Amino acid sequence: MNKILLSLLFAASVAGCTGMSDTQQRALTGTVGGAGVGAILGAIGGNAGLGAVAGAGAGLAGGLIYDSVKKSEAQAYQDGVNAGKRQASSTTR
């Protein structure tokens, strides 16, 4: 039963990512992945439902943190590109 539920959650997350922003995709992926891992660990501990809920929360937080890091990385790259363009245009004058 748990394998079927995990398969359905995974399929829904992959199919549901169409047309979503990067932040939404990362949050959904983290939530579904966390719920899956939490359900497995919860089943080992005797309560798969509680494990899935805790895992989903942790996965959501992880997905949002990862999104923040990727956005900061992209902004730093763009700042470097812009600085290089300014420097190149000032030396050609």
C-alpha atoms as a PDB file:
ATOM      1  CA  MET A   1       0.000   0.000   0.000  1.00  0.00           C
ATOM      2  CA  ASN A   2       2.776   2.437   0.904  1.00  0.00           C
ATOM      3  CA  LYS A   3       4.569   1.765  -2.387  1.00  0.00           C
ATOM      4  CA  ILE A   4       1.418   2.574  -4.334  1.00  0.00           C
ATOM      5  CA  LEU A   5       0.873   5.786  -2.367  1.00  0.00           C
ATOM      6  CA  LEU A   6       4.479   6.870  -2.891  1.00  0.00           C
ATOM      7  CA  SER A   7       4.255   6.100  -6.605  1.00  0.00           C
ATOM      8  CA  LEU A   8       1.093   8.182  -6.919  1.00  0.00           C
ATOM      9  CA  LEU A   9       2.642  11.090  -5.017  1.00  0.00           C
ATOM     10  CA  PHE A  10       5.725  10.991  -7.219  1.00  0.00           C
ATOM     11  CA  ALA A  11       3.646  10.854 -10.412  1.00  0.00           C
ATOM     12  CA  ALA A  12       1.518  13.780  -9.221  1.00  0.00           C
ATOM     13  CA  SER A  13       4.570  15.850  -8.404  1.00  0.00           C
ATOM     14  CA  VAL A  14       6.174  15.245 -11.797  1.00  0.00           C
ATOM     15  CA  ALA A  15       2.953  15.892 -13.716  1.00  0.00           C
ATOM     16  CA  GLY A  16       2.060  18.903 -11.576  1.00  0.00           C
ATOM     17  CA  CYS A  17       5.286  20.796 -12.263  1.00  0.00           C
ATOM     18  CA  THR A  18       4.214  22.020 -15.694  1.00  0.00           C
ATOM     19  CA  GLY A  19       3.729  25.782 -15.732  1.00  0.00           C
ATOM     20  CA  MET A  20       4.988  26.295 -12.196  1.00  0.00           C
ATOM     21  CA  SER A  21       7.672  28.768 -11.164  1.00  0.00           C
ATOM     22  CA  ASP A  22      11.067  27.489 -10.039  1.00  0.00           C
ATOM     23  CA  THR A  23      10.138  28.259  -6.422  1.00  0.00           C
ATOM     24  CA  GLN A  24       6.908  26.296  -6.674  1.00  0.00           C
ATOM     25  CA  GLN A  25       8.657  23.348  -8.329  1.00  0.00           C
ATOM     26  CA  ARG A  26      11.368  23.218  -5.682  1.00  0.00           C
ATOM     27  CA  ALA A  27       8.831  23.496  -2.848  1.00  0.00           C
ATOM     28  CA  LEU A  28       6.681  20.723  -4.324  1.00  0.00           C
ATOM     29  CA  THR A  29       9.646  18.457  -4.990  1.00  0.00           C
ATOM     30  CA  GLY A  30      10.949  18.956  -1.462  1.00  0.00           C
ATOM     31  CA  THR A  31       7.536  18.351   0.066  1.00  0.00           C
ATOM     32  CA  VAL A  32       6.839  15.170  -1.890  1.00  0.00           C
ATOM     33  CA  GLY A  33      10.355  13.828  -1.393  1.00  0.00           C
ATOM     34  CA  GLY A  34      10.254  14.612   2.304  1.00  0.00           C
ATOM     35  CA  ALA A  35       6.851  12.988   2.684  1.00  0.00           C
ATOM     36  CA  GLY A  36       8.095   9.851   0.976  1.00  0.00           C
ATOM     37  CA  VAL A  37      11.204   9.547   3.104  1.00  0.00           C
ATOM     38  CA  GLY A  38       9.229  10.450   6.219  1.00  0.00           C
ATOM     39  CA  ALA A  39       6.636   7.782   5.472  1.00  0.00           C
ATOM     40  CA  ILE A  40       9.328   5.147   5.086  1.00  0.00           C
ATOM     41  CA  LEU A  41      11.091   6.162   8.293  1.00  0.00           C
ATOM     42  CA  GLY A  42       7.748   6.500  10.071  1.00  0.00           C
ATOM     43  CA  ALA A  43       6.749   3.007   8.977  1.00  0.00           C
ATOM     44  CA  ILE A  44       9.934   1.666  10.488  1.00  0.00           C
ATOM     45  CA  GLY A  45       9.125   3.509  13.706  1.00  0.00           C
ATOM     46  CA  GLY A  46       5.489   2.417  13.704  1.00  0.00           C
ATOM     47  CA  ASN A  47       3.628   5.499  12.440  1.00  0.00           C
ATOM     48  CA  ALA A  48       3.948   6.113   8.698  1.00  0.00           C
ATOM     49  CA  GLY A  49       1.372   8.925   8.669  1.00  0.00           C
ATOM     50  CA  LEU A  50       3.153  10.987  11.283  1.00  0.00           C
ATOM     51  CA  GLY A  51       6.464  10.358   9.540  1.00  0.00           C
ATOM     52  CA  ALA A  52       5.015  11.525   6.227  1.00  0.00           C
ATOM     53  CA  VAL A  53       3.682  14.737   7.767  1.00  0.00           C
ATOM     54  CA  ALA A  54       6.978  15.504   9.511  1.00  0.00           C
ATOM     55  CA  GLY A  55       8.935  14.635   6.366  1.00  0.00           C
ATOM     56  CA  ALA A  56       6.712  16.843   4.217  1.00  0.00           C
ATOM     57  CA  GLY A  57       7.338  19.804   6.511  1.00  0.00           C
ATOM     58  CA  ALA A  58      11.075  19.224   6.515  1.00  0.00           C
ATOM     59  CA  GLY A  59      11.079  18.714   2.744  1.00  0.00           C
ATOM     60  CA  LEU A  60       9.152  21.926   2.164  1.00  0.00           C
ATOM     61  CA  ALA A  61      11.612  23.872   4.304  1.00  0.00           C
ATOM     62  CA  GLY A  62      14.527  22.255   2.489  1.00  0.00           C
ATOM     63  CA  GLY A  63      13.031  23.029  -0.925  1.00  0.00           C
ATOM     64  CA  LEU A  64      12.502  26.678  -0.037  1.00  0.00           C
ATOM     65  CA  ILE A  65      16.028  27.012   1.394  1.00  0.00           C
ATOM     66  CA  TYR A  66      17.448  25.443  -1.764  1.00  0.00           C
ATOM     67  CA  ASP A  67      15.403  27.867  -3.871  1.00  0.00           C
ATOM     68  CA  SER A  68      16.782  30.817  -1.914  1.00  0.00           C
ATOM     69  CA  VAL A  69      20.352  29.616  -2.448  1.00  0.00           C
ATOM     70  CA  LYS A  70      19.806  29.138  -6.195  1.00  0.00           C
ATOM     71  CA  LYS A  71      18.274  32.617  -6.526  1.00  0.00           C
ATOM     72  CA  SER A  72      21.202  34.194  -4.654  1.00  0.00           C
ATOM     73  CA  GLU A  73      23.605  32.282  -6.875  1.00  0.00           C
ATOM     74  CA  ALA A  74      21.874  33.499 -10.035  1.00  0.00           C
ATOM     75  CA  GLN A  75      21.850  37.095  -8.765  1.00  0.00           C
ATOM     76  CA  ALA A  76      25.560  36.967  -7.932  1.00  0.00           C
ATOM     77  CA  TYR A  77      26.311  35.634 -11.405  1.00  0.00           C
ATOM     78  CA  GLN A  78      24.229  38.370 -13.033  1.00  0.00           C
ATOM     79  CA  ASP A  79      25.941  41.033 -10.892  1.00  0.00           C
ATOM     80  CA  GLY A  80      29.310  39.737 -12.111  1.00  0.00           C
ATOM     81  CA  VAL A  81      28.209  39.819 -15.742  1.00  0.00           C
ATOM     82  CA  ASN A  82      26.951  43.379 -15.368  1.00  0.00           C
ATOM     83  CA  ALA A  83      30.167  44.478 -13.643  1.00  0.00           C
ATOM     84  CA  GLY A  84      32.188  42.945 -16.464  1.00  0.00           C
ATOM     85  CA  LYS A  85      30.124  44.773 -19.070  1.00  0.00           C
ATOM     86  CA  ARG A  86      30.558  48.089 -17.255  1.00  0.00           C
ATOM     87  CA  GLN A  87      34.291  47.532 -16.942  1.00  0.00           C
ATOM     88  CA  ALA A  88      34.611  46.585 -20.622  1.00  0.00           C
ATOM     89  CA  SER A  89      32.646  49.616 -21.787  1.00  0.00           C
ATOM     90  CA  SER A  90      34.678  52.007 -19.605  1.00  0.00           C
ATOM     91  CA  THR A  91      38.011  50.759 -20.983  1.00  0.00           C
ATOM     92  CA  THR A  92      36.948  51.135 -24.632  1.00  0.00           C
ATOM     93  CA  ARG A  93      36.164  54.833 -24.313  1.00  0.00           C
END
